[in-house]
PDB file of N, CA and C in Angstrom:
ATOM      1  N   MET A   1     121.972 138.210 123.561  1.00  0.00           N
ATOM      2  CA  MET A   1     120.997 137.173 123.272  1.00  0.00           C
ATOM      3  C   MET A   1     119.614 137.772 123.042  1.00  0.00           C
ATOM      4  N   SER A   2     119.249 138.786 123.790  1.00  0.00           N
ATOM      5  CA  SER A   2     117.911 139.362 123.640  1.00  0.00           C
ATOM      6  C   SER A   2     117.713 139.987 122.260  1.00  0.00           C
ATOM      7  N   GLU A   3     118.801 140.424 121.637  1.00  0.00           N
ATOM      8  CA  GLU A   3     118.693 141.000 120.299  1.00  0.00           C
ATOM      9  C   GLU A   3     118.253 139.953 119.281  1.00  0.00           C
ATOM     10  N   ILE A   4     118.726 138.728 119.448  1.00  0.00           N
ATOM     11  CA  ILE A   4     118.326 137.634 118.559  1.00  0.00           C
ATOM     12  C   ILE A   4     116.844 137.336 118.727  1.00  0.00           C
ATOM     13  N   ASN A   5     116.401 137.274 119.980  1.00  0.00           N
ATOM     14  CA  ASN A   5     114.979 137.027 120.232  1.00  0.00           C
ATOM     15  C   ASN A   5     114.116 138.121 119.626  1.00  0.00           C
ATOM     16  N   LYS A   6     114.585 139.355 119.730  1.00  0.00           N
ATOM     17  CA  LYS A   6     113.845 140.482 119.170  1.00  0.00           C
ATOM     18  C   LYS A   6     113.754 140.363 117.647  1.00  0.00           C
ATOM     19  N   LYS A   7     114.852 139.958 116.999  1.00  0.00           N
ATOM     20  CA  LYS A   7     114.846 139.794 115.547  1.00  0.00           C
ATOM     21  C   LYS A   7     113.894 138.685 115.125  1.00  0.00           C
ATOM     22  N   ILE A   8     113.910 137.590 115.874  1.00  0.00           N
ATOM     23  CA  ILE A   8     113.010 136.464 115.565  1.00  0.00           C
ATOM     24  C   ILE A   8     111.559 136.911 115.688  1.00  0.00           C
ATOM     25  N   CYS A   9     111.236 137.567 116.794  1.00  0.00           N
ATOM     26  CA  CYS A   9     109.852 138.017 117.014  1.00  0.00           C
ATOM     27  C   CYS A   9     109.427 139.045 115.977  1.00  0.00           C
ATOM     28  N   ASN A  10     110.308 139.980 115.663  1.00  0.00           N
ATOM     29  CA  ASN A  10     109.978 141.003 114.663  1.00  0.00           C
ATOM     30  C   ASN A  10     109.728 140.375 113.296  1.00  0.00           C
ATOM     31  N   TYR A  11     110.506 139.365 112.952  1.00  0.00           N
ATOM     32  CA  TYR A  11     110.317 138.683 111.672  1.00  0.00           C
ATOM     33  C   TYR A  11     108.955 137.988 111.633  1.00  0.00           C
ATOM     34  N   ILE A  12     108.651 137.230 112.678  1.00  0.00           N
ATOM     35  CA  ILE A  12     107.376 136.511 112.731  1.00  0.00           C
ATOM     36  C   ILE A  12     106.214 137.505 112.718  1.00  0.00           C
ATOM     37  N   ALA A  13     106.345 138.570 113.501  1.00  0.00           N
ATOM     38  CA  ALA A  13     105.282 139.577 113.565  1.00  0.00           C
ATOM     39  C   ALA A  13     105.083 140.263 112.220  1.00  0.00           C
ATOM     40  N   GLY A  14     106.168 140.677 111.596  1.00  0.00           N
ATOM     41  CA  GLY A  14     106.076 141.434 110.342  1.00  0.00           C
ATOM     42  C   GLY A  14     105.724 140.600 109.138  1.00  0.00           C
ATOM     43  N   GLU A  15     106.252 139.404 109.065  1.00  0.00           N
ATOM     44  CA  GLU A  15     106.046 138.564 107.887  1.00  0.00           C
ATOM     45  C   GLU A  15     104.774 137.720 107.953  1.00  0.00           C
ATOM     46  N   TRP A  16     104.365 137.332 109.151  1.00  0.00           N
ATOM     47  CA  TRP A  16     103.263 136.376 109.242  1.00  0.00           C
ATOM     48  C   TRP A  16     102.077 136.858 110.075  1.00  0.00           C
ATOM     49  N   ILE A  17     102.320 137.306 111.288  1.00  0.00           N
ATOM     50  CA  ILE A  17     101.192 137.694 112.143  1.00  0.00           C
ATOM     51  C   ILE A  17     100.447 138.883 111.548  1.00  0.00           C
ATOM     52  N   SER A  18     101.188 139.849 111.025  1.00  0.00           N
ATOM     53  CA  SER A  18     100.539 141.049 110.471  1.00  0.00           C
ATOM     54  C   SER A  18      99.655 140.726 109.270  1.00  0.00           C
ATOM     55  N   LYS A  19      99.904 139.602 108.615  1.00  0.00           N
ATOM     56  CA  LYS A  19      99.122 139.215 107.439  1.00  0.00           C
ATOM     57  C   LYS A  19      97.978 138.264 107.775  1.00  0.00           C
ATOM     58  N   ALA A  20      97.896 137.874 109.049  1.00  0.00           N
ATOM     59  CA  ALA A  20      96.826 136.969 109.479  1.00  0.00           C
ATOM     60  C   ALA A  20      95.531 137.746 109.686  1.00  0.00           C
ATOM     61  N   LYS A  21      94.431 137.036 109.652  1.00  0.00           N
ATOM     62  CA  LYS A  21      93.113 137.645 109.856  1.00  0.00           C
ATOM     63  C   LYS A  21      93.041 138.313 111.231  1.00  0.00           C
ATOM     64  N   SER A  22      93.606 137.652 112.240  1.00  0.00           N
ATOM     65  CA  SER A  22      93.654 138.189 113.603  1.00  0.00           C
ATOM     66  C   SER A  22      94.719 137.433 114.383  1.00  0.00           C
ATOM     67  N   ASN A  23      95.065 137.965 115.560  1.00  0.00           N
ATOM     68  CA  ASN A  23      96.014 137.261 116.423  1.00  0.00           C
ATOM     69  C   ASN A  23      95.477 135.883 116.803  1.00  0.00           C
ATOM     70  N   ARG A  24      94.197 135.838 117.094  1.00  0.00           N
ATOM     71  CA  ARG A  24      93.566 134.575 117.484  1.00  0.00           C
ATOM     72  C   ARG A  24      93.620 133.565 116.339  1.00  0.00           C
ATOM     73  N   ALA A  25      93.329 134.023 115.140  1.00  0.00           N
ATOM     74  CA  ALA A  25      93.361 133.133 113.979  1.00  0.00           C
ATOM     75  C   ALA A  25      94.771 132.601 113.751  1.00  0.00           C
ATOM     76  N   PHE A  26      95.775 133.470 113.891  1.00  0.00           N
ATOM     77  CA  PHE A  26      97.157 133.024 113.733  1.00  0.00           C
ATOM     78  C   PHE A  26      97.482 131.967 114.774  1.00  0.00           C
ATOM     79  N   ALA A  27      97.091 132.209 116.005  1.00  0.00           N
ATOM     80  CA  ALA A  27      97.367 131.258 117.082  1.00  0.00           C
ATOM     81  C   ALA A  27      96.732 129.899 116.798  1.00  0.00           C
ATOM     82  N   ILE A  28      95.488 129.900 116.406  1.00  0.00           N
ATOM     83  CA  ILE A  28      94.784 128.644 116.115  1.00  0.00           C
ATOM     84  C   ILE A  28      95.428 127.928 114.934  1.00  0.00           C
ATOM     85  N   ASP A  29      95.717 128.662 113.884  1.00  0.00           N
ATOM     86  CA  ASP A  29      96.296 128.074 112.674  1.00  0.00           C
ATOM     87  C   ASP A  29      97.704 127.514 112.887  1.00  0.00           C
ATOM     88  N   HIS A  30      98.393 128.013 113.910  1.00  0.00           N
ATOM     89  CA  HIS A  30      99.786 127.618 114.126  1.00  0.00           C
ATOM     90  C   HIS A  30      99.996 126.834 115.425  1.00  0.00           C
ATOM     91  N   ASN A  31      98.895 126.402 116.027  1.00  0.00           N
ATOM     92  CA  ASN A  31      98.940 125.540 117.211  1.00  0.00           C
ATOM     93  C   ASN A  31      99.720 126.158 118.372  1.00  0.00           C
ATOM     94  N   ILE A  32      99.503 127.465 118.605  1.00  0.00           N
ATOM     95  CA  ILE A  32     100.112 128.144 119.739  1.00  0.00           C
ATOM     96  C   ILE A  32      99.025 128.924 120.471  1.00  0.00           C
ATOM     97  N   ASP A  33      99.321 129.341 121.698  1.00  0.00           N
ATOM     98  CA  ASP A  33      98.366 130.126 122.472  1.00  0.00           C
ATOM     99  C   ASP A  33      98.297 131.561 121.954  1.00  0.00           C
ATOM    100  N   GLU A  34      97.137 132.155 122.102  1.00  0.00           N
ATOM    101  CA  GLU A  34      96.986 133.552 121.691  1.00  0.00           C
ATOM    102  C   GLU A  34      97.884 134.460 122.527  1.00  0.00           C
ATOM    103  N   LYS A  35      98.091 134.120 123.798  1.00  0.00           N
ATOM    104  CA  LYS A  35      98.973 134.935 124.641  1.00  0.00           C
ATOM    105  C   LYS A  35     100.412 134.901 124.115  1.00  0.00           C
ATOM    106  N   THR A  36     100.798 133.802 123.491  1.00  0.00           N
ATOM    107  CA  THR A  36     102.123 133.711 122.882  1.00  0.00           C
ATOM    108  C   THR A  36     102.227 134.681 121.712  1.00  0.00           C
ATOM    109  N   VAL A  37     101.176 134.780 120.940  1.00  0.00           N
ATOM    110  CA  VAL A  37     101.159 135.737 119.821  1.00  0.00           C
ATOM    111  C   VAL A  37     101.318 137.155 120.360  1.00  0.00           C
ATOM    112  N   ARG A  38     100.617 137.470 121.425  1.00  0.00           N
ATOM    113  CA  ARG A  38     100.738 138.811 122.017  1.00  0.00           C
ATOM    114  C   ARG A  38     102.158 139.065 122.511  1.00  0.00           C
ATOM    115  N   LYS A  39     102.806 138.044 123.083  1.00  0.00           N
ATOM    116  CA  LYS A  39     104.189 138.195 123.541  1.00  0.00           C
ATOM    117  C   LYS A  39     105.127 138.429 122.362  1.00  0.00           C
ATOM    118  N   ILE A  40     104.905 137.727 121.270  1.00  0.00           N
ATOM    119  CA  ILE A  40     105.735 137.903 120.076  1.00  0.00           C
ATOM    120  C   ILE A  40     105.620 139.340 119.561  1.00  0.00           C
ATOM    121  N   LEU A  41     104.449 139.931 119.698  1.00  0.00           N
ATOM    122  CA  LEU A  41     104.206 141.286 119.203  1.00  0.00           C
ATOM    123  C   LEU A  41     104.754 142.388 120.108  1.00  0.00           C
ATOM    124  N   LEU A  42     105.263 142.041 121.290  1.00  0.00           N
ATOM    125  CA  LEU A  42     105.815 143.054 122.191  1.00  0.00           C
ATOM    126  C   LEU A  42     107.000 143.751 121.524  1.00  0.00           C
ATOM    127  N   PRO A  43     107.098 145.079 121.664  1.00  0.00           N
ATOM    128  CA  PRO A  43     108.199 145.819 121.023  1.00  0.00           C
ATOM    129  C   PRO A  43     109.586 145.343 121.468  1.00  0.00           C
ATOM    130  N   GLU A  44     109.701 144.926 122.711  1.00  0.00           N
ATOM    131  CA  GLU A  44     111.001 144.472 123.215  1.00  0.00           C
ATOM    132  C   GLU A  44     111.304 143.012 122.889  1.00  0.00           C
ATOM    133  N   GLY A  45     110.343 142.364 122.230  1.00  0.00           N
ATOM    134  CA  GLY A  45     110.524 140.966 121.867  1.00  0.00           C
ATOM    135  C   GLY A  45     110.149 140.033 123.007  1.00  0.00           C
ATOM    136  N   TYR A  46     110.476 138.778 122.838  1.00  0.00           N
ATOM    137  CA  TYR A  46     110.077 137.738 123.765  1.00  0.00           C
ATOM    138  C   TYR A  46     111.046 136.585 123.584  1.00  0.00           C
ATOM    139  N   ARG A  47     111.412 135.947 124.672  1.00  0.00           N
ATOM    140  CA  ARG A  47     112.332 134.799 124.588  1.00  0.00           C
ATOM    141  C   ARG A  47     111.541 133.596 124.086  1.00  0.00           C
ATOM    142  N   ILE A  48     111.420 133.508 122.808  1.00  0.00           N
ATOM    143  CA  ILE A  48     110.556 132.532 122.161  1.00  0.00           C
ATOM    144  C   ILE A  48     111.204 131.142 122.186  1.00  0.00           C
ATOM    145  N   PRO A  49     110.493 130.161 122.721  1.00  0.00           N
ATOM    146  CA  PRO A  49     111.041 128.803 122.764  1.00  0.00           C
ATOM    147  C   PRO A  49     111.155 128.194 121.364  1.00  0.00           C
ATOM    148  N   LEU A  50     112.124 127.332 121.204  1.00  0.00           N
ATOM    149  CA  LEU A  50     112.328 126.660 119.929  1.00  0.00           C
ATOM    150  C   LEU A  50     111.107 125.819 119.548  1.00  0.00           C
ATOM    151  N   VAL A  51     110.432 125.264 120.538  1.00  0.00           N
ATOM    152  CA  VAL A  51     109.236 124.462 120.242  1.00  0.00           C
ATOM    153  C   VAL A  51     108.149 125.329 119.588  1.00  0.00           C
ATOM    154  N   THR A  52     108.050 126.574 119.992  1.00  0.00           N
ATOM    155  CA  THR A  52     107.083 127.491 119.390  1.00  0.00           C
ATOM    156  C   THR A  52     107.486 127.814 117.955  1.00  0.00           C
ATOM    157  N   ILE A  53     108.757 128.066 117.749  1.00  0.00           N
ATOM    158  CA  ILE A  53     109.247 128.317 116.390  1.00  0.00           C
ATOM    159  C   ILE A  53     108.971 127.101 115.511  1.00  0.00           C
ATOM    160  N   ASN A  54     109.206 125.922 116.047  1.00  0.00           N
ATOM    161  CA  ASN A  54     108.966 124.689 115.304  1.00  0.00           C
ATOM    162  C   ASN A  54     107.490 124.538 114.931  1.00  0.00           C
ATOM    163  N   ARG A  55     106.587 124.828 115.859  1.00  0.00           N
ATOM    164  CA  ARG A  55     105.149 124.735 115.571  1.00  0.00           C
ATOM    165  C   ARG A  55     104.746 125.691 114.453  1.00  0.00           C
ATOM    166  N   ILE A  56     105.270 126.906 114.516  1.00  0.00           N
ATOM    167  CA  ILE A  56     104.952 127.893 113.485  1.00  0.00           C
ATOM    168  C   ILE A  56     105.493 127.424 112.128  1.00  0.00           C
ATOM    169  N   CYS A  57     106.721 126.919 112.130  1.00  0.00           N
ATOM    170  CA  CYS A  57     107.325 126.442 110.884  1.00  0.00           C
ATOM    171  C   CYS A  57     106.559 125.250 110.321  1.00  0.00           C
ATOM    172  N   GLU A  58     106.135 124.332 111.183  1.00  0.00           N
ATOM    173  CA  GLU A  58     105.347 123.194 110.709  1.00  0.00           C
ATOM    174  C   GLU A  58     104.059 123.662 110.050  1.00  0.00           C
ATOM    175  N   ALA A  59     103.396 124.637 110.662  1.00  0.00           N
ATOM    176  CA  ALA A  59     102.151 125.154 110.097  1.00  0.00           C
ATOM    177  C   ALA A  59     102.403 125.868 108.769  1.00  0.00           C
ATOM    178  N   LYS A  60     103.552 126.513 108.655  1.00  0.00           N
ATOM    179  CA  LYS A  60     103.916 127.209 107.405  1.00  0.00           C
ATOM    180  C   LYS A  60     104.516 126.253 106.382  1.00  0.00           C
ATOM    181  N   GLU A  61     104.721 125.007 106.803  1.00  0.00           N
ATOM    182  CA  GLU A  61     105.312 123.974 105.957  1.00  0.00           C
ATOM    183  C   GLU A  61     106.701 124.359 105.457  1.00  0.00           C
ATOM    184  N   ILE A  62     107.488 124.881 106.391  1.00  0.00           N
ATOM    185  CA  ILE A  62     108.888 125.175 106.094  1.00  0.00           C
ATOM    186  C   ILE A  62     109.761 124.515 107.157  1.00  0.00           C
ATOM    187  N   LYS A  63     111.013 124.282 106.813  1.00  0.00           N
ATOM    188  CA  LYS A  63     111.965 123.727 107.768  1.00  0.00           C
ATOM    189  C   LYS A  63     112.444 124.837 108.689  1.00  0.00           C
ATOM    190  N   VAL A  64     112.767 124.452 109.916  1.00  0.00           N
ATOM    191  CA  VAL A  64     113.293 125.428 110.873  1.00  0.00           C
ATOM    192  C   VAL A  64     114.587 126.031 110.326  1.00  0.00           C
ATOM    193  N   SER A  65     115.383 125.235 109.657  1.00  0.00           N
ATOM    194  CA  SER A  65     116.639 125.748 109.093  1.00  0.00           C
ATOM    195  C   SER A  65     116.353 126.817 108.031  1.00  0.00           C
ATOM    196  N   SER A  66     115.307 126.642 107.252  1.00  0.00           N
ATOM    197  CA  SER A  66     114.926 127.650 106.254  1.00  0.00           C
ATOM    198  C   SER A  66     114.465 128.932 106.925  1.00  0.00           C
ATOM    199  N   PHE A  67     113.773 128.786 108.043  1.00  0.00           N
ATOM    200  CA  PHE A  67     113.318 129.949 108.810  1.00  0.00           C
ATOM    201  C   PHE A  67     114.519 130.774 109.259  1.00  0.00           C
ATOM    202  N   PHE A  68     115.523 130.112 109.845  1.00  0.00           N
ATOM    203  CA  PHE A  68     116.681 130.824 110.329  1.00  0.00           C
ATOM    204  C   PHE A  68     117.511 131.417 109.188  1.00  0.00           C
ATOM    205  N   LYS A  69     117.529 130.772 108.055  1.00  0.00           N
ATOM    206  CA  LYS A  69     118.219 131.338 106.889  1.00  0.00           C
ATOM    207  C   LYS A  69     117.522 132.618 106.427  1.00  0.00           C
ATOM    208  N   ALA A  70     116.190 132.610 106.482  1.00  0.00           N
ATOM    209  CA  ALA A  70     115.431 133.795 106.079  1.00  0.00           C
ATOM    210  C   ALA A  70     115.688 134.970 107.020  1.00  0.00           C
ATOM    211  N   LEU A  71     115.992 134.676 108.273  1.00  0.00           N
ATOM    212  CA  LEU A  71     116.295 135.735 109.242  1.00  0.00           C
ATOM    213  C   LEU A  71     117.607 136.438 108.931  1.00  0.00           C
ATOM    214  N   ASP A  72     118.515 135.716 108.285  1.00  0.00           N
ATOM    215  CA  ASP A  72     119.816 136.258 107.926  1.00  0.00           C
ATOM    216  C   ASP A  72     120.543 136.813 109.151  1.00  0.00           C
ATOM    217  N   LEU A  73     120.683 135.950 110.167  1.00  0.00           N
ATOM    218  CA  LEU A  73     121.360 136.378 111.406  1.00  0.00           C
ATOM    219  C   LEU A  73     122.848 136.393 111.246  1.00  0.00           C
TER     220      LEU A  73
END
């Protein structure tokens, strides 16, 4: 299970957080705490709640199902 969480976090970190102005800006723009962004960036990953994934997807204007398809799990 932890491998899935790591893949999710790595995808969010590589595709979206790394392209944001800052961790704080990403957090504000996606309605999540900055500490959550820092947890997502941890090398070992983070057990990211579905509600957090949903908030990020809403801010990106994509469906959660599209997000998981992009992960190609």
